[in-house]
């Protein structure tokens, strides 16, 4: 299977055009080519339960950005 090419790259500013966060803009933190998705800073936040560990002694809940399908974002010039 050939490598997928996307016009959106890490660091680009994008506008979310569909979903709960429609209208928000943010910077792309990561491009997930296998899932055809991107992770945008400050968008599609979910609370994840985490167990206590060395790094996080307390555990509890952490806010985490979840992937958004690439068809639901549009690159913003600027």
PDB file of N, CA and C in Angstrom:
ATOM      1  N   UNK A   1       0.844  -1.182   0.000  1.00  0.00           N
ATOM      2  CA  UNK A   1       0.000   0.000   0.000  1.00  0.00           C
ATOM      3  C   UNK A   1       0.889   1.245   0.000  1.00  0.00           C
ATOM      4  N   UNK A   2       0.527   2.199  -0.828  1.00  0.00           N
ATOM      5  CA  UNK A   2       1.325   3.417  -0.963  1.00  0.00           C
ATOM      6  C   UNK A   2       1.129   4.323   0.248  1.00  0.00           C
ATOM      7  N   UNK A   3       2.126   5.153   0.529  1.00  0.00           N
ATOM      8  CA  UNK A   3       2.022   6.126   1.620  1.00  0.00           C
ATOM      9  C   UNK A   3       0.976   7.170   1.266  1.00  0.00           C
ATOM     10  N   UNK A   4       0.178   7.547   2.246  1.00  0.00           N
ATOM     11  CA  UNK A   4      -0.838   8.567   2.039  1.00  0.00           C
ATOM     12  C   UNK A   4      -0.199   9.939   2.139  1.00  0.00           C
ATOM     13  N   UNK A   5      -0.665  10.865   1.325  1.00  0.00           N
ATOM     14  CA  UNK A   5      -0.175  12.243   1.353  1.00  0.00           C
ATOM     15  C   UNK A   5      -1.324  13.151   1.752  1.00  0.00           C
ATOM     16  N   UNK A   6      -1.095  13.972   2.757  1.00  0.00           N
ATOM     17  CA  UNK A   6      -2.093  14.922   3.204  1.00  0.00           C
ATOM     18  C   UNK A   6      -1.555  16.329   2.998  1.00  0.00           C
ATOM     19  N   UNK A   7      -2.463  17.264   2.750  1.00  0.00           N
ATOM     20  CA  UNK A   7      -2.066  18.657   2.591  1.00  0.00           C
ATOM     21  C   UNK A   7      -1.856  19.315   3.953  1.00  0.00           C
ATOM     22  N   UNK A   8      -2.355  18.681   5.005  1.00  0.00           N
ATOM     23  CA  UNK A   8      -2.215  19.214   6.355  1.00  0.00           C
ATOM     24  C   UNK A   8      -1.025  18.552   7.032  1.00  0.00           C
ATOM     25  N   UNK A   9      -0.176  19.369   7.638  1.00  0.00           N
ATOM     26  CA  UNK A   9       1.033  18.880   8.303  1.00  0.00           C
ATOM     27  C   UNK A   9       1.050  19.361   9.757  1.00  0.00           C
ATOM     28  N   UNK A  10       1.904  18.749  10.547  1.00  0.00           N
ATOM     29  CA  UNK A  10       2.085  19.147  11.944  1.00  0.00           C
ATOM     30  C   UNK A  10       2.494  20.616  11.996  1.00  0.00           C
ATOM     31  N   UNK A  11       1.836  21.385  12.868  1.00  0.00           N
ATOM     32  CA  UNK A  11       2.151  22.805  13.014  1.00  0.00           C
ATOM     33  C   UNK A  11       1.233  23.723  12.230  1.00  0.00           C
ATOM     34  N   UNK A  12       0.439  23.186  11.293  1.00  0.00           N
ATOM     35  CA  UNK A  12      -0.489  24.001  10.507  1.00  0.00           C
ATOM     36  C   UNK A  12      -1.657  24.469  11.371  1.00  0.00           C
ATOM     37  N   UNK A  13      -2.205  25.630  11.028  1.00  0.00           N
ATOM     38  CA  UNK A  13      -3.429  26.114  11.654  1.00  0.00           C
ATOM     39  C   UNK A  13      -4.609  25.567  10.854  1.00  0.00           C
ATOM     40  N   UNK A  14      -5.587  24.970  11.555  1.00  0.00           N
ATOM     41  CA  UNK A  14      -6.747  24.405  10.880  1.00  0.00           C
ATOM     42  C   UNK A  14      -8.039  24.903  11.513  1.00  0.00           C
ATOM     43  N   UNK A  15      -9.107  24.883  10.720  1.00  0.00           N
ATOM     44  CA  UNK A  15     -10.451  25.216  11.159  1.00  0.00           C
ATOM     45  C   UNK A  15     -11.251  23.923  11.162  1.00  0.00           C
ATOM     46  N   UNK A  16     -11.951  23.654  12.250  1.00  0.00           N
ATOM     47  CA  UNK A  16     -12.778  22.455  12.329  1.00  0.00           C
ATOM     48  C   UNK A  16     -14.117  22.781  11.686  1.00  0.00           C
ATOM     49  N   UNK A  17     -14.504  21.998  10.669  1.00  0.00           N
ATOM     50  CA  UNK A  17     -15.700  22.308   9.882  1.00  0.00           C
ATOM     51  C   UNK A  17     -16.875  21.379  10.172  1.00  0.00           C
ATOM     52  N   UNK A  18     -16.687  20.392  11.060  1.00  0.00           N
ATOM     53  CA  UNK A  18     -17.784  19.489  11.412  1.00  0.00           C
ATOM     54  C   UNK A  18     -17.562  18.942  12.818  1.00  0.00           C
ATOM     55  N   UNK A  19     -18.661  18.551  13.459  1.00  0.00           N
ATOM     56  CA  UNK A  19     -18.566  17.950  14.788  1.00  0.00           C
ATOM     57  C   UNK A  19     -18.871  18.927  15.905  1.00  0.00           C
ATOM     58  N   UNK A  20     -18.647  18.465  17.135  1.00  0.00           N
ATOM     59  CA  UNK A  20     -18.965  19.270  18.318  1.00  0.00           C
ATOM     60  C   UNK A  20     -18.136  20.550  18.402  1.00  0.00           C
ATOM     61  N   UNK A  21     -16.906  20.530  17.899  1.00  0.00           N
ATOM     62  CA  UNK A  21     -16.014  21.683  17.970  1.00  0.00           C
ATOM     63  C   UNK A  21     -16.029  22.514  16.685  1.00  0.00           C
ATOM     64  N   UNK A  22     -17.090  22.416  15.905  1.00  0.00           N
ATOM     65  CA  UNK A  22     -17.200  23.149  14.640  1.00  0.00           C
ATOM     66  C   UNK A  22     -16.990  24.645  14.869  1.00  0.00           C
ATOM     67  N   UNK A  23     -16.135  25.257  14.039  1.00  0.00           N
ATOM     68  CA  UNK A  23     -15.855  26.687  14.139  1.00  0.00           C
ATOM     69  C   UNK A  23     -14.593  27.021  14.911  1.00  0.00           C
ATOM     70  N   UNK A  24     -14.062  26.069  15.672  1.00  0.00           N
ATOM     71  CA  UNK A  24     -12.834  26.320  16.428  1.00  0.00           C
ATOM     72  C   UNK A  24     -11.627  26.212  15.505  1.00  0.00           C
ATOM     73  N   UNK A  25     -10.579  26.973  15.827  1.00  0.00           N
ATOM     74  CA  UNK A  25      -9.316  26.850  15.111  1.00  0.00           C
ATOM     75  C   UNK A  25      -8.249  26.415  16.095  1.00  0.00           C
ATOM     76  N   UNK A  26      -7.226  25.764  15.572  1.00  0.00           N
ATOM     77  CA  UNK A  26      -6.134  25.329  16.424  1.00  0.00           C
ATOM     78  C   UNK A  26      -4.975  24.800  15.604  1.00  0.00           C
ATOM     79  N   UNK A  27      -3.887  24.515  16.292  1.00  0.00           N
ATOM     80  CA  UNK A  27      -2.672  24.013  15.652  1.00  0.00           C
ATOM     81  C   UNK A  27      -2.692  22.485  15.651  1.00  0.00           C
ATOM     82  N   UNK A  28      -2.254  21.906  14.536  1.00  0.00           N
ATOM     83  CA  UNK A  28      -2.168  20.449  14.436  1.00  0.00           C
ATOM     84  C   UNK A  28      -0.964  19.979  15.252  1.00  0.00           C
ATOM     85  N   UNK A  29      -1.229  19.098  16.228  1.00  0.00           N
ATOM     86  CA  UNK A  29      -0.167  18.549  17.067  1.00  0.00           C
ATOM     87  C   UNK A  29       0.418  17.283  16.461  1.00  0.00           C
ATOM     88  N   UNK A  30      -0.431  16.522  15.765  1.00  0.00           N
ATOM     89  CA  UNK A  30      -0.004  15.231  15.231  1.00  0.00           C
ATOM     90  C   UNK A  30      -0.904  14.856  14.062  1.00  0.00           C
ATOM     91  N   UNK A  31      -0.334  14.188  13.042  1.00  0.00           N
ATOM     92  CA  UNK A  31      -1.094  13.652  11.921  1.00  0.00           C
ATOM     93  C   UNK A  31      -1.022  12.135  12.008  1.00  0.00           C
ATOM     94  N   UNK A  32      -2.191  11.494  12.057  1.00  0.00           N
ATOM     95  CA  UNK A  32      -2.270  10.036  12.154  1.00  0.00           C
ATOM     96  C   UNK A  32      -2.653   9.488  10.778  1.00  0.00           C
ATOM     97  N   UNK A  33      -1.659   9.101   9.985  1.00  0.00           N
ATOM     98  CA  UNK A  33      -1.922   8.680   8.613  1.00  0.00           C
ATOM     99  C   UNK A  33      -2.690   7.370   8.537  1.00  0.00           C
ATOM    100  N   UNK A  34      -2.460   6.460   9.460  1.00  0.00           N
ATOM    101  CA  UNK A  34      -3.161   5.171   9.423  1.00  0.00           C
ATOM    102  C   UNK A  34      -4.652   5.324   9.715  1.00  0.00           C
ATOM    103  N   UNK A  35      -5.003   6.315  10.517  1.00  0.00           N
ATOM    104  CA  UNK A  35      -6.406   6.539  10.870  1.00  0.00           C
ATOM    105  C   UNK A  35      -7.046   7.653  10.041  1.00  0.00           C
ATOM    106  N   UNK A  36      -6.289   8.290   9.148  1.00  0.00           N
ATOM    107  CA  UNK A  36      -6.762   9.454   8.381  1.00  0.00           C
ATOM    108  C   UNK A  36      -7.289  10.532   9.324  1.00  0.00           C
ATOM    109  N   UNK A  37      -6.528  10.816  10.376  1.00  0.00           N
ATOM    110  CA  UNK A  37      -6.993  11.760  11.391  1.00  0.00           C
ATOM    111  C   UNK A  37      -5.872  12.685  11.832  1.00  0.00           C
ATOM    112  N   UNK A  38      -6.265  13.774  12.490  1.00  0.00           N
ATOM    113  CA  UNK A  38      -5.310  14.721  13.057  1.00  0.00           C
ATOM    114  C   UNK A  38      -5.704  14.998  14.500  1.00  0.00           C
ATOM    115  N   UNK A  39      -4.724  15.410  15.299  1.00  0.00           N
ATOM    116  CA  UNK A  39      -4.996  15.838  16.664  1.00  0.00           C
ATOM    117  C   UNK A  39      -4.742  17.339  16.706  1.00  0.00           C
ATOM    118  N   UNK A  40      -5.783  18.088  17.090  1.00  0.00           N
ATOM    119  CA  UNK A  40      -5.729  19.550  17.105  1.00  0.00           C
ATOM    120  C   UNK A  40      -5.704  20.028  18.550  1.00  0.00           C
ATOM    121  N   UNK A  41      -4.800  20.972  18.838  1.00  0.00           N
ATOM    122  CA  UNK A  41      -4.667  21.517  20.196  1.00  0.00           C
ATOM    123  C   UNK A  41      -5.961  22.187  20.636  1.00  0.00           C
ATOM    124  N   UNK A  42      -6.463  21.783  21.793  1.00  0.00           N
ATOM    125  CA  UNK A  42      -7.641  22.415  22.371  1.00  0.00           C
ATOM    126  C   UNK A  42      -8.968  21.993  21.769  1.00  0.00           C
ATOM    127  N   UNK A  43      -8.986  20.968  20.937  1.00  0.00           N
ATOM    128  CA  UNK A  43     -10.227  20.522  20.304  1.00  0.00           C
ATOM    129  C   UNK A  43     -10.492  19.056  20.614  1.00  0.00           C
ATOM    130  N   UNK A  44     -11.758  18.723  20.695  1.00  0.00           N
ATOM    131  CA  UNK A  44     -12.224  17.362  20.990  1.00  0.00           C
ATOM    132  C   UNK A  44     -11.541  16.808  22.236  1.00  0.00           C
ATOM    133  N   UNK A  45     -11.727  17.527  23.335  1.00  0.00           N
ATOM    134  CA  UNK A  45     -11.135  17.151  24.619  1.00  0.00           C
ATOM    135  C   UNK A  45     -11.994  16.062  25.263  1.00  0.00           C
ATOM    136  N   UNK A  46     -11.340  15.018  25.759  1.00  0.00           N
ATOM    137  CA  UNK A  46     -12.031  13.943  26.468  1.00  0.00           C
ATOM    138  C   UNK A  46     -11.345  13.734  27.813  1.00  0.00           C
ATOM    139  N   UNK A  47     -12.123  13.345  28.813  1.00  0.00           N
ATOM    140  CA  UNK A  47     -11.553  13.021  30.125  1.00  0.00           C
ATOM    141  C   UNK A  47     -11.170  11.555  30.110  1.00  0.00           C
ATOM    142  N   UNK A  48      -9.905  11.259  30.402  1.00  0.00           N
ATOM    143  CA  UNK A  48      -9.410   9.890  30.437  1.00  0.00           C
ATOM    144  C   UNK A  48      -9.024   9.539  31.857  1.00  0.00           C
ATOM    145  N   UNK A  49      -9.440   8.372  32.308  1.00  0.00           N
ATOM    146  CA  UNK A  49      -9.061   7.890  33.635  1.00  0.00           C
ATOM    147  C   UNK A  49      -7.652   7.311  33.555  1.00  0.00           C
ATOM    148  N   UNK A  50      -6.784   7.680  34.490  1.00  0.00           N
ATOM    149  CA  UNK A  50      -5.417   7.155  34.523  1.00  0.00           C
ATOM    150  C   UNK A  50      -5.114   6.578  35.899  1.00  0.00           C
ATOM    151  N   UNK A  51      -4.413   5.458  35.893  1.00  0.00           N
ATOM    152  CA  UNK A  51      -4.011   4.818  37.143  1.00  0.00           C
ATOM    153  C   UNK A  51      -2.814   5.558  37.738  1.00  0.00           C
ATOM    154  N   UNK A  52      -2.628   5.492  39.025  1.00  0.00           N
ATOM    155  CA  UNK A  52      -1.434   6.091  39.638  1.00  0.00           C
ATOM    156  C   UNK A  52      -0.160   5.437  39.088  1.00  0.00           C
ATOM    157  N   UNK A  53       0.865   6.252  38.853  1.00  0.00           N
ATOM    158  CA  UNK A  53       2.145   5.747  38.338  1.00  0.00           C
ATOM    159  C   UNK A  53       3.272   6.590  38.922  1.00  0.00           C
ATOM    160  N   UNK A  54       4.490   6.311  38.513  1.00  0.00           N
ATOM    161  CA  UNK A  54       5.640   7.101  38.975  1.00  0.00           C
ATOM    162  C   UNK A  54       5.489   8.565  38.588  1.00  0.00           C
ATOM    163  N   UNK A  55       5.079   8.810  37.347  1.00  0.00           N
ATOM    164  CA  UNK A  55       4.955  10.181  36.863  1.00  0.00           C
ATOM    165  C   UNK A  55       3.742  10.884  37.478  1.00  0.00           C
ATOM    166  N   UNK A  56       2.657  10.145  37.667  1.00  0.00           N
ATOM    167  CA  UNK A  56       1.420  10.718  38.194  1.00  0.00           C
ATOM    168  C   UNK A  56       1.024   9.935  39.447  1.00  0.00           C
ATOM    169  N   UNK A  57       1.463  10.400  40.608  1.00  0.00           N
ATOM    170  CA  UNK A  57       1.246   9.680  41.868  1.00  0.00           C
ATOM    171  C   UNK A  57      -0.232   9.549  42.224  1.00  0.00           C
ATOM    172  N   UNK A  58      -1.020  10.571  41.917  1.00  0.00           N
ATOM    173  CA  UNK A  58      -2.424  10.590  42.304  1.00  0.00           C
ATOM    174  C   UNK A  58      -3.310   9.732  41.395  1.00  0.00           C
ATOM    175  N   UNK A  59      -3.042   9.728  40.081  1.00  0.00           N
ATOM    176  CA  UNK A  59      -3.975   9.094  39.148  1.00  0.00           C
ATOM    177  C   UNK A  59      -5.150  10.030  38.932  1.00  0.00           C
ATOM    178  N   UNK A  60      -6.337   9.485  38.664  1.00  0.00           N
ATOM    179  CA  UNK A  60      -7.532  10.304  38.493  1.00  0.00           C
ATOM    180  C   UNK A  60      -7.849  10.522  37.030  1.00  0.00           C
ATOM    181  N   UNK A  61      -8.309  11.736  36.703  1.00  0.00           N
ATOM    182  CA  UNK A  61      -8.727  12.044  35.345  1.00  0.00           C
ATOM    183  C   UNK A  61      -7.777  13.050  34.692  1.00  0.00           C
ATOM    184  N   UNK A  62      -7.544  12.868  33.392  1.00  0.00           N
ATOM    185  CA  UNK A  62      -6.687  13.755  32.613  1.00  0.00           C
ATOM    186  C   UNK A  62      -7.459  14.179  31.371  1.00  0.00           C
ATOM    187  N   UNK A  63      -7.407  15.468  31.025  1.00  0.00           N
ATOM    188  CA  UNK A  63      -8.006  15.948  29.773  1.00  0.00           C
ATOM    189  C   UNK A  63      -7.045  15.666  28.638  1.00  0.00           C
ATOM    190  N   UNK A  64      -7.554  15.063  27.555  1.00  0.00           N
ATOM    191  CA  UNK A  64      -6.704  14.648  26.445  1.00  0.00           C
ATOM    192  C   UNK A  64      -7.385  14.973  25.122  1.00  0.00           C
ATOM    193  N   UNK A  65      -6.598  15.460  24.151  1.00  0.00           N
ATOM    194  CA  UNK A  65      -7.141  15.732  22.820  1.00  0.00           C
ATOM    195  C   UNK A  65      -7.290  14.410  22.066  1.00  0.00           C
ATOM    196  N   UNK A  66      -8.438  14.213  21.435  1.00  0.00           N
ATOM    197  CA  UNK A  66      -8.712  13.002  20.681  1.00  0.00           C
ATOM    198  C   UNK A  66      -8.619  13.297  19.181  1.00  0.00           C
ATOM    199  N   UNK A  67      -8.394  12.250  18.367  1.00  0.00           N
ATOM    200  CA  UNK A  67      -8.275  12.457  16.916  1.00  0.00           C
ATOM    201  C   UNK A  67      -9.560  12.957  16.267  1.00  0.00           C
ATOM    202  N   UNK A  68      -9.398  13.767  15.226  1.00  0.00           N
ATOM    203  CA  UNK A  68     -10.503  14.261  14.394  1.00  0.00           C
ATOM    204  C   UNK A  68     -10.207  13.813  12.973  1.00  0.00           C
ATOM    205  N   UNK A  69     -11.209  13.279  12.279  1.00  0.00           N
ATOM    206  CA  UNK A  69     -10.982  12.808  10.912  1.00  0.00           C
ATOM    207  C   UNK A  69     -10.536  13.969  10.032  1.00  0.00           C
ATOM    208  N   UNK A  70      -9.624  13.670   9.114  1.00  0.00           N
ATOM    209  CA  UNK A  70      -9.005  14.707   8.281  1.00  0.00           C
ATOM    210  C   UNK A  70     -10.021  15.432   7.409  1.00  0.00           C
ATOM    211  N   UNK A  71     -11.145  14.770   7.090  1.00  0.00           N
ATOM    212  CA  UNK A  71     -12.176  15.407   6.264  1.00  0.00           C
ATOM    213  C   UNK A  71     -12.956  16.477   7.026  1.00  0.00           C
ATOM    214  N   UNK A  72     -12.813  16.499   8.346  1.00  0.00           N
ATOM    215  CA  UNK A  72     -13.546  17.458   9.171  1.00  0.00           C
ATOM    216  C   UNK A  72     -12.723  18.688   9.540  1.00  0.00           C
ATOM    217  N   UNK A  73     -11.541  18.818   8.961  1.00  0.00           N
ATOM    218  CA  UNK A  73     -10.720  20.012   9.196  1.00  0.00           C
ATOM    219  C   UNK A  73     -10.307  20.626   7.869  1.00  0.00           C
ATOM    220  N   UNK A  74     -10.090  21.949   7.919  1.00  0.00           N
ATOM    221  CA  UNK A  74      -9.687  22.692   6.728  1.00  0.00           C
ATOM    222  C   UNK A  74      -8.513  23.576   7.103  1.00  0.00           C
ATOM    223  N   UNK A  75      -7.478  23.576   6.272  1.00  0.00           N
ATOM    224  CA  UNK A  75      -6.283  24.379   6.528  1.00  0.00           C
ATOM    225  C   UNK A  75      -6.646  25.866   6.423  1.00  0.00           C
ATOM    226  N   UNK A  76      -6.126  26.657   7.367  1.00  0.00           N
ATOM    227  CA  UNK A  76      -6.347  28.090   7.386  1.00  0.00           C
ATOM    228  C   UNK A  76      -5.046  28.768   7.040  1.00  0.00           C
ATOM    229  N   UNK A  77      -5.094  29.693   6.091  1.00  0.00           N
ATOM    230  CA  UNK A  77      -3.896  30.443   5.712  1.00  0.00           C
ATOM    231  C   UNK A  77      -3.656  31.523   6.763  1.00  0.00           C
ATOM    232  N   UNK A  78      -2.418  31.685   7.150  1.00  0.00           N
ATOM    233  CA  UNK A  78      -2.142  32.763   8.082  1.00  0.00           C
ATOM    234  C   UNK A  78      -1.152  32.349   9.032  1.00  0.00           C
TER     235      UNK A  78
END
